[in-house]
N, C-alpha and C. Protein backbone atom coordinates (compact mmCIF):
# COMPACT_ATOMS: atom_id res chain seq x y z
N UNK A 1 -80.24 -48.12 -4.41
CA UNK A 1 -80.43 -46.69 -4.30
C UNK A 1 -79.11 -46.01 -3.99
N UNK A 2 -78.05 -46.39 -4.60
CA UNK A 2 -76.74 -45.80 -4.30
C UNK A 2 -76.70 -44.31 -4.49
N UNK A 3 -77.50 -43.80 -5.41
CA UNK A 3 -77.49 -42.37 -5.67
C UNK A 3 -78.02 -41.54 -4.52
N UNK A 4 -78.87 -42.14 -3.69
CA UNK A 4 -79.43 -41.44 -2.57
C UNK A 4 -78.36 -41.15 -1.52
N UNK A 5 -77.31 -41.95 -1.50
CA UNK A 5 -76.22 -41.74 -0.52
C UNK A 5 -75.55 -40.39 -0.73
N UNK A 6 -75.68 -39.83 -1.90
CA UNK A 6 -75.01 -38.52 -2.17
C UNK A 6 -75.81 -37.33 -1.58
N UNK A 7 -77.00 -37.58 -1.11
CA UNK A 7 -77.82 -36.48 -0.53
C UNK A 7 -77.42 -36.30 0.89
N UNK A 8 -76.90 -35.09 1.24
CA UNK A 8 -76.41 -34.83 2.60
C UNK A 8 -77.53 -34.78 3.63
N UNK A 9 -77.15 -34.96 4.90
CA UNK A 9 -78.12 -35.02 5.97
C UNK A 9 -78.90 -33.71 6.09
N UNK A 10 -78.29 -32.57 5.85
CA UNK A 10 -78.99 -31.29 5.92
C UNK A 10 -80.16 -31.23 4.94
N UNK A 11 -79.95 -31.70 3.76
CA UNK A 11 -81.00 -31.75 2.74
C UNK A 11 -82.08 -32.75 3.15
N UNK A 12 -81.66 -33.90 3.64
CA UNK A 12 -82.60 -34.91 4.17
C UNK A 12 -83.45 -34.32 5.22
N UNK A 13 -82.89 -33.53 6.11
CA UNK A 13 -83.66 -32.95 7.22
C UNK A 13 -84.70 -31.94 6.67
N UNK A 14 -84.32 -31.17 5.64
CA UNK A 14 -85.30 -30.26 5.06
C UNK A 14 -86.47 -31.00 4.41
N UNK A 15 -86.11 -32.16 3.79
CA UNK A 15 -87.13 -33.01 3.17
C UNK A 15 -88.08 -33.55 4.29
N UNK A 16 -87.48 -34.02 5.38
CA UNK A 16 -88.26 -34.56 6.48
C UNK A 16 -89.24 -33.47 7.01
N UNK A 17 -88.75 -32.28 7.24
CA UNK A 17 -89.60 -31.18 7.72
C UNK A 17 -90.75 -30.87 6.75
N UNK A 18 -90.46 -30.88 5.48
CA UNK A 18 -91.44 -30.58 4.48
C UNK A 18 -92.54 -31.62 4.46
N UNK A 19 -92.15 -32.89 4.56
CA UNK A 19 -93.10 -33.98 4.57
C UNK A 19 -94.01 -33.93 5.84
N UNK A 20 -93.35 -33.67 6.93
CA UNK A 20 -94.13 -33.58 8.19
C UNK A 20 -95.10 -32.39 8.15
N UNK A 21 -94.69 -31.25 7.54
CA UNK A 21 -95.57 -30.11 7.42
C UNK A 21 -96.79 -30.43 6.51
N UNK A 22 -96.65 -31.41 5.67
CA UNK A 22 -97.79 -31.84 4.83
C UNK A 22 -98.79 -32.70 5.63
N UNK A 23 -98.42 -33.04 6.88
CA UNK A 23 -99.32 -33.80 7.70
C UNK A 23 -99.08 -35.31 7.70
N UNK A 24 -98.01 -35.74 7.10
CA UNK A 24 -97.66 -37.17 7.09
C UNK A 24 -97.23 -37.58 8.50
N UNK A 25 -97.81 -38.66 8.99
CA UNK A 25 -97.54 -39.15 10.35
C UNK A 25 -96.36 -40.13 10.35
N UNK A 26 -95.69 -40.28 11.48
CA UNK A 26 -94.56 -41.24 11.56
C UNK A 26 -94.96 -42.64 11.16
N UNK A 27 -96.17 -43.08 11.54
CA UNK A 27 -96.56 -44.45 11.20
C UNK A 27 -96.72 -44.64 9.70
N UNK A 28 -97.04 -43.56 8.98
CA UNK A 28 -97.11 -43.62 7.51
C UNK A 28 -95.73 -43.79 6.88
N UNK A 29 -94.71 -43.46 7.68
CA UNK A 29 -93.35 -43.61 7.18
C UNK A 29 -92.71 -44.90 7.70
N UNK A 30 -93.46 -45.63 8.50
CA UNK A 30 -92.95 -46.89 9.06
C UNK A 30 -92.01 -46.72 10.23
N UNK A 31 -92.13 -45.59 10.94
CA UNK A 31 -91.29 -45.38 12.11
C UNK A 31 -92.15 -45.01 13.33
N UNK A 32 -91.58 -45.07 14.48
CA UNK A 32 -92.28 -44.72 15.70
C UNK A 32 -92.19 -43.25 16.00
N UNK A 33 -93.03 -42.77 16.90
CA UNK A 33 -92.96 -41.39 17.30
C UNK A 33 -91.67 -41.08 18.04
N UNK A 34 -91.22 -42.03 18.83
CA UNK A 34 -89.91 -41.86 19.53
C UNK A 34 -88.79 -41.71 18.57
N UNK A 35 -88.76 -42.55 17.52
CA UNK A 35 -87.71 -42.44 16.51
C UNK A 35 -87.82 -41.11 15.75
N UNK A 36 -89.03 -40.65 15.48
CA UNK A 36 -89.24 -39.38 14.81
C UNK A 36 -88.65 -38.25 15.64
N UNK A 37 -88.88 -38.31 16.97
CA UNK A 37 -88.33 -37.27 17.83
C UNK A 37 -86.76 -37.28 17.81
N UNK A 38 -86.19 -38.47 17.74
CA UNK A 38 -84.73 -38.54 17.63
C UNK A 38 -84.23 -37.95 16.34
N UNK A 39 -84.98 -38.16 15.27
CA UNK A 39 -84.63 -37.60 13.98
C UNK A 39 -84.72 -36.03 14.03
N UNK A 40 -85.79 -35.57 14.64
CA UNK A 40 -86.02 -34.12 14.68
C UNK A 40 -84.97 -33.40 15.59
N UNK A 41 -84.50 -34.16 16.59
CA UNK A 41 -83.44 -33.59 17.47
C UNK A 41 -82.08 -33.86 16.87
N UNK A 42 -82.02 -34.50 15.74
CA UNK A 42 -80.82 -34.83 15.03
C UNK A 42 -79.89 -35.79 15.79
N UNK A 43 -80.51 -36.64 16.62
CA UNK A 43 -79.74 -37.62 17.33
C UNK A 43 -79.50 -38.86 16.51
N UNK A 44 -80.34 -39.07 15.47
CA UNK A 44 -80.18 -40.17 14.52
C UNK A 44 -80.13 -39.56 13.10
N UNK A 45 -79.31 -40.19 12.23
CA UNK A 45 -79.30 -39.73 10.83
C UNK A 45 -80.52 -40.29 10.06
N UNK A 46 -80.91 -39.64 9.02
CA UNK A 46 -81.98 -40.09 8.17
C UNK A 46 -81.41 -41.06 7.18
N UNK A 47 -81.85 -42.29 7.26
CA UNK A 47 -81.31 -43.36 6.43
C UNK A 47 -81.80 -43.23 5.00
N UNK A 48 -81.15 -43.98 4.12
CA UNK A 48 -81.55 -44.01 2.67
C UNK A 48 -82.96 -44.56 2.56
N UNK A 49 -83.26 -45.59 3.34
CA UNK A 49 -84.59 -46.24 3.26
C UNK A 49 -85.70 -45.25 3.70
N UNK A 50 -85.43 -44.47 4.77
CA UNK A 50 -86.45 -43.49 5.19
C UNK A 50 -86.52 -42.36 4.22
N UNK A 51 -85.38 -41.93 3.67
CA UNK A 51 -85.36 -40.88 2.67
C UNK A 51 -86.22 -41.29 1.46
N UNK A 52 -86.14 -42.55 1.05
CA UNK A 52 -86.92 -43.01 -0.07
C UNK A 52 -88.44 -42.86 0.27
N UNK A 53 -88.80 -43.23 1.48
CA UNK A 53 -90.22 -43.12 1.89
C UNK A 53 -90.65 -41.65 1.93
N UNK A 54 -89.75 -40.80 2.42
CA UNK A 54 -90.08 -39.37 2.45
C UNK A 54 -90.27 -38.78 1.06
N UNK A 55 -89.41 -39.15 0.18
CA UNK A 55 -89.49 -38.64 -1.22
C UNK A 55 -90.79 -39.05 -1.93
N UNK A 56 -91.32 -40.19 -1.54
CA UNK A 56 -92.60 -40.63 -2.16
C UNK A 56 -93.75 -39.67 -1.81
N UNK A 57 -93.57 -38.85 -0.79
CA UNK A 57 -94.61 -37.88 -0.39
C UNK A 57 -94.44 -36.54 -1.01
N UNK A 58 -93.41 -36.35 -1.86
CA UNK A 58 -93.14 -35.08 -2.47
C UNK A 58 -93.39 -35.15 -3.98
N UNK A 59 -93.86 -34.05 -4.52
CA UNK A 59 -93.96 -33.90 -5.98
C UNK A 59 -92.71 -33.32 -6.52
N UNK A 60 -92.52 -33.36 -7.84
CA UNK A 60 -91.36 -32.71 -8.44
C UNK A 60 -91.35 -31.21 -8.15
N UNK A 61 -92.49 -30.59 -8.13
CA UNK A 61 -92.58 -29.14 -7.87
C UNK A 61 -92.08 -28.85 -6.43
N UNK A 62 -92.40 -29.71 -5.50
CA UNK A 62 -91.98 -29.51 -4.13
C UNK A 62 -90.47 -29.64 -4.02
N UNK A 63 -89.89 -30.60 -4.75
CA UNK A 63 -88.41 -30.73 -4.73
C UNK A 63 -87.78 -29.49 -5.28
N UNK A 64 -88.34 -28.96 -6.34
CA UNK A 64 -87.82 -27.73 -6.96
C UNK A 64 -87.96 -26.55 -5.96
N UNK A 65 -89.14 -26.51 -5.34
CA UNK A 65 -89.39 -25.41 -4.35
C UNK A 65 -88.41 -25.45 -3.17
N UNK A 66 -88.05 -26.65 -2.76
CA UNK A 66 -87.01 -26.79 -1.70
C UNK A 66 -85.66 -26.34 -2.15
N UNK A 67 -85.47 -26.18 -3.45
CA UNK A 67 -84.17 -25.74 -3.99
C UNK A 67 -83.18 -26.88 -3.98
N UNK A 68 -83.67 -28.11 -4.08
CA UNK A 68 -82.81 -29.26 -4.05
C UNK A 68 -82.27 -29.51 -5.44
N UNK A 69 -80.97 -29.44 -5.61
CA UNK A 69 -80.34 -29.82 -6.83
C UNK A 69 -79.54 -31.11 -6.54
N UNK A 70 -79.80 -32.09 -7.38
CA UNK A 70 -79.22 -33.41 -7.11
C UNK A 70 -78.24 -33.80 -8.20
N UNK A 71 -77.29 -34.60 -7.85
CA UNK A 71 -76.38 -35.15 -8.79
C UNK A 71 -77.09 -36.19 -9.66
N UNK A 72 -76.48 -36.50 -10.84
CA UNK A 72 -77.15 -37.49 -11.72
C UNK A 72 -77.50 -38.79 -11.06
N UNK A 73 -76.60 -39.32 -10.23
CA UNK A 73 -76.88 -40.60 -9.58
C UNK A 73 -78.15 -40.49 -8.73
N UNK A 74 -78.32 -39.41 -8.00
CA UNK A 74 -79.49 -39.25 -7.15
C UNK A 74 -80.73 -39.09 -8.03
N UNK A 75 -80.61 -38.35 -9.11
CA UNK A 75 -81.78 -38.20 -10.01
C UNK A 75 -82.17 -39.54 -10.58
N UNK A 76 -81.25 -40.35 -10.98
CA UNK A 76 -81.52 -41.65 -11.51
C UNK A 76 -82.22 -42.51 -10.47
N UNK A 77 -81.76 -42.41 -9.20
CA UNK A 77 -82.40 -43.16 -8.10
C UNK A 77 -83.83 -42.73 -7.93
N UNK A 78 -84.08 -41.45 -8.04
CA UNK A 78 -85.48 -40.95 -7.88
C UNK A 78 -86.37 -41.45 -8.96
N UNK A 79 -85.83 -41.60 -10.18
CA UNK A 79 -86.63 -42.14 -11.25
C UNK A 79 -87.10 -43.57 -10.97
N UNK A 80 -86.31 -44.30 -10.20
CA UNK A 80 -86.71 -45.69 -9.88
C UNK A 80 -87.70 -45.71 -8.71
N UNK A 81 -87.69 -44.64 -7.87
CA UNK A 81 -88.60 -44.61 -6.71
C UNK A 81 -90.00 -44.22 -7.12
N UNK A 82 -90.11 -43.26 -7.99
CA UNK A 82 -91.41 -42.71 -8.31
C UNK A 82 -92.13 -43.47 -9.42
N UNK A 83 -93.43 -43.30 -9.54
CA UNK A 83 -94.21 -44.00 -10.58
C UNK A 83 -93.66 -43.62 -11.97
N UNK A 84 -93.87 -44.48 -12.93
CA UNK A 84 -93.30 -44.33 -14.26
C UNK A 84 -93.68 -42.98 -14.92
N UNK A 85 -94.91 -42.51 -14.72
CA UNK A 85 -95.31 -41.25 -15.36
C UNK A 85 -94.65 -40.03 -14.76
N UNK A 86 -94.15 -40.16 -13.55
CA UNK A 86 -93.54 -39.05 -12.84
C UNK A 86 -92.30 -38.55 -13.55
N UNK A 87 -91.45 -39.44 -14.03
CA UNK A 87 -90.20 -39.12 -14.64
C UNK A 87 -90.40 -38.38 -15.98
N UNK A 88 -91.54 -38.57 -16.63
CA UNK A 88 -91.78 -37.91 -17.89
C UNK A 88 -92.50 -36.57 -17.75
N UNK A 89 -92.82 -36.20 -16.52
CA UNK A 89 -93.57 -34.95 -16.37
C UNK A 89 -92.73 -33.75 -16.65
N UNK A 90 -93.38 -32.62 -16.99
CA UNK A 90 -92.65 -31.39 -17.27
C UNK A 90 -91.92 -30.90 -16.01
N UNK A 91 -92.50 -31.10 -14.83
CA UNK A 91 -91.83 -30.65 -13.60
C UNK A 91 -90.55 -31.44 -13.37
N UNK A 92 -90.61 -32.76 -13.69
CA UNK A 92 -89.38 -33.55 -13.57
C UNK A 92 -88.33 -33.10 -14.54
N UNK A 93 -88.74 -32.77 -15.74
CA UNK A 93 -87.78 -32.25 -16.70
C UNK A 93 -87.17 -30.94 -16.23
N UNK A 94 -88.01 -30.10 -15.59
CA UNK A 94 -87.48 -28.83 -15.04
C UNK A 94 -86.48 -29.12 -13.93
N UNK A 95 -86.76 -30.14 -13.11
CA UNK A 95 -85.82 -30.48 -12.05
C UNK A 95 -84.49 -30.93 -12.66
N UNK A 96 -84.53 -31.72 -13.72
CA UNK A 96 -83.32 -32.20 -14.34
C UNK A 96 -82.60 -30.98 -14.93
N UNK A 97 -83.31 -30.10 -15.59
CA UNK A 97 -82.67 -28.90 -16.21
C UNK A 97 -82.04 -28.04 -15.08
N UNK A 98 -82.74 -27.85 -13.99
CA UNK A 98 -82.16 -27.08 -12.86
C UNK A 98 -80.91 -27.69 -12.36
N UNK A 99 -80.88 -29.02 -12.31
CA UNK A 99 -79.70 -29.71 -11.85
C UNK A 99 -78.54 -29.51 -12.81
N UNK A 100 -78.85 -29.59 -14.11
CA UNK A 100 -77.83 -29.38 -15.15
C UNK A 100 -77.28 -27.97 -15.07
N UNK A 101 -78.16 -27.00 -14.90
CA UNK A 101 -77.70 -25.60 -14.84
C UNK A 101 -76.76 -25.35 -13.66
N UNK A 102 -77.11 -25.95 -12.51
CA UNK A 102 -76.29 -25.74 -11.31
C UNK A 102 -74.92 -26.43 -11.47
N UNK A 103 -74.91 -27.56 -12.19
CA UNK A 103 -73.67 -28.29 -12.34
C UNK A 103 -72.72 -27.60 -13.36
N UNK A 104 -73.25 -27.08 -14.46
CA UNK A 104 -72.37 -26.49 -15.47
C UNK A 104 -72.51 -24.99 -15.56
N UNK A 105 -73.22 -24.37 -14.59
CA UNK A 105 -73.36 -22.91 -14.48
C UNK A 105 -73.92 -22.30 -15.78
N UNK A 106 -74.98 -22.86 -16.35
CA UNK A 106 -75.66 -22.26 -17.44
C UNK A 106 -76.60 -21.17 -16.93
N UNK A 107 -76.51 -19.96 -17.41
CA UNK A 107 -77.40 -18.92 -16.91
C UNK A 107 -78.85 -19.22 -17.32
N UNK A 108 -79.75 -18.88 -16.42
CA UNK A 108 -81.17 -19.05 -16.66
C UNK A 108 -81.62 -18.09 -17.75
N UNK A 109 -82.59 -18.54 -18.54
CA UNK A 109 -83.12 -17.72 -19.64
C UNK A 109 -83.90 -16.51 -19.10
N UNK A 110 -84.29 -15.60 -19.97
CA UNK A 110 -85.00 -14.39 -19.55
C UNK A 110 -86.37 -14.67 -18.95
């Protein structure tokens, strides 16, 4: 998952908050409540392994809604995390297109 290393802690924290707001419990993420509190107080960084678990609870639409634009390495890592049908979805293609636009500054269509 080397591409996930490119995702900064601030973005990881937004992902964590989004997943928690969906009602996902710490034990569903494989962590304790104490560790979750440390993450929320930003006393511990969000690891790549935890980030992978968090991303499994988000849809492509939610990633787009968060305004997350990812580098190609991170996008390729996400394709290996999610089920095979996920990468072919129209929302996933939109996420890839949004990433391309942000990288090369292509103006959005009308």
